[in-house]
Amino acid sequence: MFCALLMMAVAPAHAQTAVPPSNRIAAERAAALLDSVRVPGLTVAVARGGEVVWGAGFGWANVADSVRATPSTVFGIGSVSKPLTAAALMRLVELGTIDLDAPVQRYAPSFPDKGAPVTIRQLAGHLGGIRHYEPQDFGRAARPGTATEALAIFADDPLVAPPGTRHAYSSYGYVLLSAAMESAAGRPFLTLMRDDIFAPLRMVSTGVDLPKDVDPTRAVQYAGCPSACAPSPYVEYAGTWAGGGFTSTAIDLARFGSALLEGSLLRRETLEMMWTPQRTAAGEDTGYGTGWRTGRDAAGRRIVHHGGRTHQLRAFLLLYPDHDVAIAVLANGPADFAEDAVARIAEPFLSSR
């Protein structure tokens, strides 16, 4: 059961969107997996055929104030920010604005030469050798306000591997990618994301990660569960939006996934490129394309997906490219669910077609 992967009991009652008649049985079966979730709050949304066919919230967005989680509750999404960034990147590629195989310094000349070219494609597939977060990166007195300013955090550090030789997951690689994107497009990265992705897809609740006292719609994040569940301190992600600093809702993320599946955001050939695993220089399949992990579910169906975790929040977005189903799951407590658990929630919608 999905709930066995989670950690804190909540009230079973849940709120859901209106469900089309053709999807009611599937929604009931999926909800049965989640009616006793064990985090403070969890939300889910499923899109099929270009529309959100089910959205539900379980438990609490804010325990102290008795605010229920709903499909429109705003959560931090951590590294699910990467597929959003990758979609904007590929739109620039389709327009001829950026070259995936160009060295990053063509667009971000302030980034130091590392002795070997680091390409845009490598950055998007975690093959660029850029380091990931380290503990000392957080809690700084002043955080960068732009993608270019954020380069100072890691620009002078050595590569963790020669470019192209090893898949080394790196959110800072996506920060460097975003600096290149805003230079190539001639627009600030956040403006680019708003104009090219969020606004066209009506992702009205997706934006920059902000503390709860700034964004009152955001779910409180909890740590120490189940023995001493308490609000977790906010961690500032300014400047690192591309790799892990966006907030969104289950509804918005399902809508985003559906737009990709329907081909209304990117061309089919672009999607296949994005969802094809990159390879190391030695030919090793990395299992990661451009902003998406790739794989198969328990039944052998092709899936693309990405998870996010940011200081006690958990997010997951999973797509079935050959079945036109997208599902987003967000939680505000310590949870470790991954593609297998999310696929079980999606299963009723696949089998009810």
Protein backbone atom coordinates (compact mmCIF):
# COMPACT_ATOMS: atom_id res chain seq x y z
CA MET A 1 0.00 0.00 0.00
CA PHE A 2 1.14 3.54 -0.75
CA CYS A 3 0.43 4.71 2.78
CA ALA A 4 2.88 2.18 4.19
CA LEU A 5 5.67 4.33 2.76
CA LEU A 6 4.62 7.38 4.78
CA MET A 7 4.99 8.31 8.42
CA MET A 8 2.26 10.22 10.25
CA ALA A 9 -1.43 9.42 10.62
CA VAL A 10 -3.95 12.08 9.69
CA ALA A 11 -7.73 12.23 9.53
CA PRO A 12 -9.00 10.14 6.59
CA ALA A 13 -11.41 12.73 5.23
CA HIS A 14 -10.30 14.36 2.01
CA ALA A 15 -11.44 17.05 -0.40
CA GLN A 16 -11.49 16.49 -4.14
CA THR A 17 -12.34 18.24 -7.37
CA ALA A 18 -15.38 17.35 -9.44
CA VAL A 19 -14.67 14.07 -11.22
CA PRO A 20 -15.98 13.31 -14.73
CA PRO A 21 -18.30 10.26 -14.69
CA SER A 22 -15.91 8.21 -16.80
CA ASN A 23 -13.19 8.62 -14.16
CA ARG A 24 -15.18 8.15 -10.94
CA ILE A 25 -14.33 4.50 -10.39
CA ALA A 26 -10.65 5.16 -11.04
CA ALA A 27 -10.74 8.11 -8.61
CA GLU A 28 -12.37 5.97 -5.92
CA ARG A 29 -9.75 3.26 -6.32
CA ALA A 30 -6.89 5.76 -6.19
CA ALA A 31 -8.38 7.56 -3.17
CA ALA A 32 -8.63 4.25 -1.31
CA LEU A 33 -4.83 4.04 -1.44
CA LEU A 34 -4.51 7.44 0.20
CA ASP A 35 -7.34 7.73 2.72
CA SER A 36 -5.02 6.92 5.61
CA VAL A 37 -1.85 8.67 4.51
CA ARG A 38 0.77 9.16 7.19
CA VAL A 39 2.12 12.62 6.60
CA PRO A 40 0.46 15.83 7.83
CA GLY A 41 -0.85 16.58 4.34
CA LEU A 42 -0.73 15.21 0.82
CA THR A 43 -2.30 16.27 -2.47
CA VAL A 44 -2.61 14.50 -5.80
CA ALA A 45 -3.84 15.37 -9.29
CA VAL A 46 -4.22 13.22 -12.40
CA ALA A 47 -4.56 14.54 -15.95
CA ARG A 48 -5.65 12.53 -18.95
CA GLY A 49 -6.56 13.61 -22.45
CA GLY A 50 -5.50 17.19 -21.86
CA GLU A 51 -7.57 17.82 -18.74
CA VAL A 52 -7.26 17.27 -15.02
CA VAL A 53 -9.68 14.41 -14.30
CA TRP A 54 -9.05 14.03 -10.58
CA GLY A 55 -7.54 16.12 -7.83
CA ALA A 56 -7.69 15.45 -4.10
CA GLY A 57 -6.19 16.60 -0.82
CA PHE A 58 -5.64 14.47 2.29
CA GLY A 59 -4.86 15.71 5.77
CA TRP A 60 -3.60 19.16 6.65
CA ALA A 61 -1.75 21.93 4.88
CA ASN A 62 -1.45 23.62 8.28
CA VAL A 63 -2.06 21.47 11.36
CA ALA A 64 -2.09 24.29 13.94
CA ASP A 65 -4.70 26.31 12.06
CA SER A 66 -6.71 23.26 10.88
CA VAL A 67 -6.26 24.17 7.20
CA ARG A 68 -7.07 21.20 4.99
CA ALA A 69 -4.80 20.20 2.13
CA THR A 70 -6.50 20.59 -1.26
CA PRO A 71 -5.33 20.03 -4.85
CA SER A 72 -4.74 23.79 -5.02
CA THR A 73 -2.51 23.99 -1.92
CA VAL A 74 0.93 25.41 -2.72
CA PHE A 75 3.94 23.24 -1.85
CA GLY A 76 7.65 23.55 -2.37
CA ILE A 77 8.49 21.13 -5.19
CA GLY A 78 12.27 20.86 -4.88
CA SER A 79 13.85 19.18 -7.88
CA VAL A 80 10.55 18.86 -9.75
CA SER A 81 11.65 22.37 -10.73
CA LYS A 82 14.07 20.72 -13.17
CA PRO A 83 11.44 19.41 -15.64
CA LEU A 84 9.91 22.91 -15.69
CA THR A 85 13.31 24.42 -16.47
CA ALA A 86 13.99 21.76 -19.09
CA ALA A 87 10.73 22.57 -20.89
CA ALA A 88 11.72 26.23 -21.12
CA LEU A 89 15.17 25.22 -22.35
CA MET A 90 13.72 23.06 -25.11
CA ARG A 91 11.44 25.86 -26.24
CA LEU A 92 14.56 27.97 -26.70
CA VAL A 93 16.14 25.11 -28.63
CA GLU A 94 13.11 24.88 -30.93
CA LEU A 95 13.39 28.62 -31.59
CA GLY A 96 17.08 28.34 -32.41
CA THR A 97 17.91 30.62 -29.48
CA ILE A 98 20.26 28.21 -27.72
CA ASP A 99 22.45 25.36 -28.95
CA LEU A 100 22.44 22.25 -26.76
CA ASP A 101 25.96 21.31 -27.80
CA ALA A 102 27.53 24.73 -27.35
CA PRO A 103 29.92 25.31 -24.44
CA VAL A 104 28.16 27.08 -21.61
CA GLN A 105 30.57 30.04 -21.78
CA ARG A 106 28.98 31.05 -25.11
CA TYR A 107 25.99 32.20 -23.05
CA ALA A 108 27.49 32.57 -19.55
CA PRO A 109 30.96 33.98 -20.23
CA SER A 110 31.61 34.73 -16.55
CA PHE A 111 31.74 31.01 -15.74
CA PRO A 112 35.39 29.97 -15.52
CA ASP A 113 37.00 27.63 -18.03
CA LYS A 114 37.32 24.18 -16.45
CA GLY A 115 39.88 22.78 -18.86
CA ALA A 116 37.29 20.97 -20.98
CA PRO A 117 34.05 22.16 -22.60
CA VAL A 118 30.89 21.87 -20.49
CA THR A 119 27.90 21.90 -22.84
CA ILE A 120 24.29 22.93 -22.33
CA ARG A 121 23.15 19.36 -23.05
CA GLN A 122 25.53 17.96 -20.43
CA LEU A 123 24.27 20.39 -17.80
CA ALA A 124 20.65 19.40 -18.50
CA GLY A 125 21.55 15.70 -18.14
CA HIS A 126 23.85 15.99 -15.09
CA LEU A 127 26.93 15.14 -17.13
CA GLY A 128 28.66 18.50 -16.75
CA GLY A 129 30.67 17.66 -13.64
CA ILE A 130 29.24 20.56 -11.62
CA ARG A 131 28.97 19.83 -7.90
CA HIS A 132 25.66 19.47 -6.04
CA TYR A 133 24.54 21.27 -2.88
CA GLU A 134 26.75 21.09 0.20
CA PRO A 135 25.74 21.94 3.81
CA GLN A 136 27.74 25.17 3.87
CA ASP A 137 25.70 26.52 0.95
CA PHE A 138 22.67 27.17 3.13
CA GLY A 139 22.08 29.63 5.94
CA ARG A 140 24.15 32.38 4.32
CA ALA A 141 23.50 35.89 5.58
CA ALA A 142 22.79 37.07 2.05
CA ARG A 143 21.52 34.86 -0.76
CA PRO A 144 21.90 35.67 -4.45
CA GLY A 145 18.99 37.39 -6.13
CA THR A 146 19.58 36.25 -9.71
CA ALA A 147 20.78 33.14 -11.50
CA THR A 148 24.00 34.86 -12.55
CA GLU A 149 24.72 36.00 -8.99
CA ALA A 150 24.19 32.43 -7.77
CA LEU A 151 27.12 31.22 -9.90
CA ALA A 152 29.49 32.70 -7.32
CA ILE A 153 28.53 29.92 -4.87
CA PHE A 154 30.19 27.17 -6.94
CA ALA A 155 31.89 28.69 -10.01
CA ASP A 156 35.42 28.45 -8.59
CA ASP A 157 35.04 24.88 -7.31
CA PRO A 158 36.65 22.02 -9.24
CA LEU A 159 34.53 19.69 -11.33
CA VAL A 160 33.54 16.42 -9.65
CA ALA A 161 34.29 14.55 -12.89
CA PRO A 162 35.45 15.45 -16.41
CA PRO A 163 32.46 16.61 -18.50
CA GLY A 164 30.60 13.73 -20.11
CA THR A 165 32.30 10.97 -18.15
CA ARG A 166 29.95 10.45 -15.19
CA HIS A 167 26.33 11.12 -14.29
CA ALA A 168 26.72 13.32 -11.22
CA TYR A 169 23.39 14.79 -10.09
CA SER A 170 23.71 18.55 -9.65
CA SER A 171 21.15 21.22 -8.87
CA TYR A 172 23.91 23.79 -9.35
CA GLY A 173 24.32 22.48 -12.87
CA TYR A 174 20.77 23.71 -13.39
CA VAL A 175 21.62 27.09 -11.88
CA LEU A 176 24.39 27.42 -14.47
CA LEU A 177 21.93 26.26 -17.13
CA SER A 178 19.45 28.96 -16.10
CA ALA A 179 22.13 31.66 -16.29
CA ALA A 180 22.88 30.54 -19.84
CA MET A 181 19.17 30.49 -20.71
CA GLU A 182 18.51 34.02 -19.51
CA SER A 183 21.53 35.32 -21.42
CA ALA A 184 20.52 33.54 -24.62
CA ALA A 185 16.90 34.69 -24.36
CA GLY A 186 17.72 38.24 -23.26
CA ARG A 187 15.25 37.95 -20.36
CA PRO A 188 15.65 37.23 -16.65
CA PHE A 189 15.20 33.55 -15.92
CA LEU A 190 12.05 34.04 -13.83
CA THR A 191 10.50 36.20 -16.54
CA LEU A 192 11.34 33.52 -19.09
CA MET A 193 9.65 30.84 -16.97
CA ARG A 194 6.55 32.96 -16.41
CA ASP A 195 6.12 34.02 -20.02
CA ASP A 196 7.02 30.74 -21.74
CA ILE A 197 5.73 28.08 -19.34
CA PHE A 198 3.57 29.21 -16.43
CA ALA A 199 1.32 31.77 -18.13
CA PRO A 200 0.58 29.81 -21.35
CA LEU A 201 -0.35 26.69 -19.34
CA ARG A 202 -2.46 28.59 -16.79
CA MET A 203 -0.15 27.49 -13.98
CA VAL A 204 -1.48 30.34 -11.89
CA SER A 205 -0.17 29.01 -8.56
CA THR A 206 3.38 28.18 -9.66
CA GLY A 207 6.19 30.54 -8.76
CA VAL A 208 9.18 31.24 -6.55
CA ASP A 209 9.70 29.49 -3.22
CA LEU A 210 8.83 31.86 -0.38
CA PRO A 211 8.45 31.39 3.39
CA LYS A 212 4.99 30.73 4.79
CA ASP A 213 4.74 34.20 6.31
CA VAL A 214 5.25 35.70 2.84
CA ASP A 215 3.09 33.22 0.92
CA PRO A 216 0.03 32.41 3.07
CA THR A 217 -1.20 29.82 0.55
CA ARG A 218 1.86 27.64 1.02
CA ALA A 219 1.65 24.41 3.03
CA VAL A 220 3.60 24.35 6.27
CA GLN A 221 6.48 21.88 6.10
CA TYR A 222 6.92 19.49 9.03
CA ALA A 223 9.90 17.64 10.50
CA GLY A 224 10.44 15.21 13.36
CA CYS A 225 7.36 13.15 12.58
CA PRO A 226 5.84 11.03 13.91
CA SER A 227 7.21 11.34 17.45
CA ALA A 228 7.67 15.12 17.63
CA CYS A 229 6.09 16.58 14.50
CA ALA A 230 6.74 20.33 14.31
CA PRO A 231 7.07 23.01 11.64
CA SER A 232 10.45 22.82 9.92
CA PRO A 233 12.53 26.01 9.56
CA TYR A 234 12.31 27.66 6.15
CA VAL A 235 15.41 27.35 3.97
CA GLU A 236 16.07 30.09 1.42
CA TYR A 237 16.50 28.96 -2.20
CA ALA A 238 16.88 32.37 -3.85
CA GLY A 239 18.96 32.13 -7.00
CA THR A 240 18.64 28.35 -7.21
CA TRP A 241 15.13 28.29 -8.67
CA ALA A 242 15.98 26.28 -11.78
CA GLY A 243 17.22 23.28 -9.83
CA GLY A 244 14.97 23.29 -6.78
CA GLY A 245 13.41 26.61 -5.90
CA PHE A 246 9.89 26.67 -7.33
CA THR A 247 6.56 26.14 -5.63
CA SER A 248 3.48 24.71 -7.29
CA THR A 249 0.30 22.72 -6.78
CA ALA A 250 -0.70 19.22 -7.78
CA ILE A 251 -3.21 20.73 -10.24
CA ASP A 252 -0.61 22.95 -11.91
CA LEU A 253 1.95 20.16 -12.22
CA ALA A 254 -0.58 17.71 -13.68
CA ARG A 255 -1.62 20.42 -16.14
CA PHE A 256 2.04 20.93 -17.11
CA GLY A 257 2.57 17.19 -17.64
CA SER A 258 -0.58 16.93 -19.70
CA ALA A 259 0.49 19.81 -21.95
CA LEU A 260 3.69 17.94 -22.72
CA LEU A 261 1.85 14.70 -23.45
CA GLU A 262 -0.63 16.50 -25.70
CA GLY A 263 2.15 18.16 -27.67
CA SER A 264 0.80 21.66 -27.05
CA LEU A 265 4.03 22.97 -25.50
CA LEU A 266 6.81 21.20 -27.40
CA ARG A 267 7.05 19.29 -30.66
CA ARG A 268 6.90 15.49 -30.55
CA GLU A 269 10.48 15.10 -31.74
CA THR A 270 11.61 17.50 -29.03
CA LEU A 271 9.81 15.46 -26.39
CA GLU A 272 11.45 12.25 -27.57
CA MET A 273 14.85 13.92 -27.41
CA MET A 274 14.10 15.19 -23.91
CA TRP A 275 12.91 11.76 -22.76
CA THR A 276 15.77 9.77 -24.31
CA PRO A 277 18.45 8.86 -21.73
CA GLN A 278 21.77 10.56 -22.24
CA ARG A 279 24.95 8.51 -22.32
CA THR A 280 28.39 8.99 -20.88
CA ALA A 281 31.41 9.27 -23.14
CA ALA A 282 31.90 5.52 -22.56
CA GLY A 283 28.36 4.78 -23.78
CA GLU A 284 26.75 4.13 -20.39
CA ASP A 285 23.00 4.79 -20.23
CA THR A 286 22.46 7.32 -17.43
CA GLY A 287 18.69 6.77 -17.10
CA TYR A 288 18.29 10.56 -17.30
CA GLY A 289 17.34 12.56 -20.36
CA THR A 290 16.94 16.34 -20.32
CA GLY A 291 15.29 17.21 -17.03
CA TRP A 292 13.57 13.82 -16.68
CA ARG A 293 14.41 10.36 -15.36
CA THR A 294 13.33 7.54 -17.62
CA GLY A 295 12.19 3.99 -16.93
CA ARG A 296 9.37 1.44 -16.84
CA ASP A 297 6.63 0.75 -14.32
CA ALA A 298 5.95 -2.67 -12.79
CA ALA A 299 3.86 -3.61 -15.85
CA GLY A 300 6.62 -2.64 -18.27
CA ARG A 301 4.98 0.60 -19.44
CA ARG A 302 7.28 3.49 -20.32
CA ILE A 303 7.40 6.28 -17.74
CA VAL A 304 9.26 9.56 -17.35
CA HIS A 305 9.39 11.17 -13.95
CA HIS A 306 11.14 13.40 -11.45
CA GLY A 307 11.05 13.65 -7.70
CA GLY A 308 11.84 16.55 -5.43
CA ARG A 309 12.73 16.80 -1.78
CA THR A 310 13.44 20.05 0.01
CA HIS A 311 13.75 20.10 3.79
CA GLN A 312 10.82 17.84 4.74
CA LEU A 313 8.73 18.41 1.62
CA ARG A 314 8.30 15.70 -1.02
CA ALA A 315 7.09 16.14 -4.58
CA PHE A 316 6.73 13.80 -7.52
CA LEU A 317 5.63 14.16 -11.14
CA LEU A 318 5.19 11.07 -13.33
CA LEU A 319 4.07 10.81 -16.95
CA TYR A 320 3.02 7.88 -19.15
CA PRO A 321 4.01 9.10 -22.64
CA ASP A 322 2.28 6.20 -24.40
CA HIS A 323 -0.92 6.35 -22.34
CA ASP A 324 -1.51 10.11 -22.03
CA VAL A 325 -1.63 10.11 -18.21
CA ALA A 326 0.16 12.56 -15.90
CA ILE A 327 0.11 12.41 -12.12
CA ALA A 328 1.53 14.78 -9.49
CA VAL A 329 1.82 14.03 -5.75
CA LEU A 330 2.96 16.55 -3.12
CA ALA A 331 3.49 16.06 0.63
CA ASN A 332 4.47 18.42 3.45
CA GLY A 333 6.18 15.93 5.75
CA PRO A 334 8.97 13.34 5.72
CA ALA A 335 7.97 10.88 3.02
CA ASP A 336 10.08 8.74 0.76
CA PHE A 337 7.67 7.68 -1.99
CA ALA A 338 9.04 7.31 -5.50
CA GLU A 339 7.89 6.24 -8.95
CA ASP A 340 6.66 2.80 -7.91
CA ALA A 341 4.25 4.22 -5.32
CA VAL A 342 3.05 7.03 -7.59
CA ALA A 343 2.52 4.55 -10.43
CA ARG A 344 0.17 2.55 -8.18
CA ILE A 345 -2.02 5.64 -7.76
CA ALA A 346 -2.01 6.18 -11.52
CA GLU A 347 -2.84 2.54 -12.28
CA PRO A 348 -6.67 2.85 -11.98
CA PHE A 349 -6.63 5.63 -14.58
CA LEU A 350 -4.57 3.52 -16.96
CA SER A 351 -6.71 0.42 -16.63
CA SER A 352 -10.03 2.29 -16.90
CA ARG A 353 -9.43 3.58 -20.43
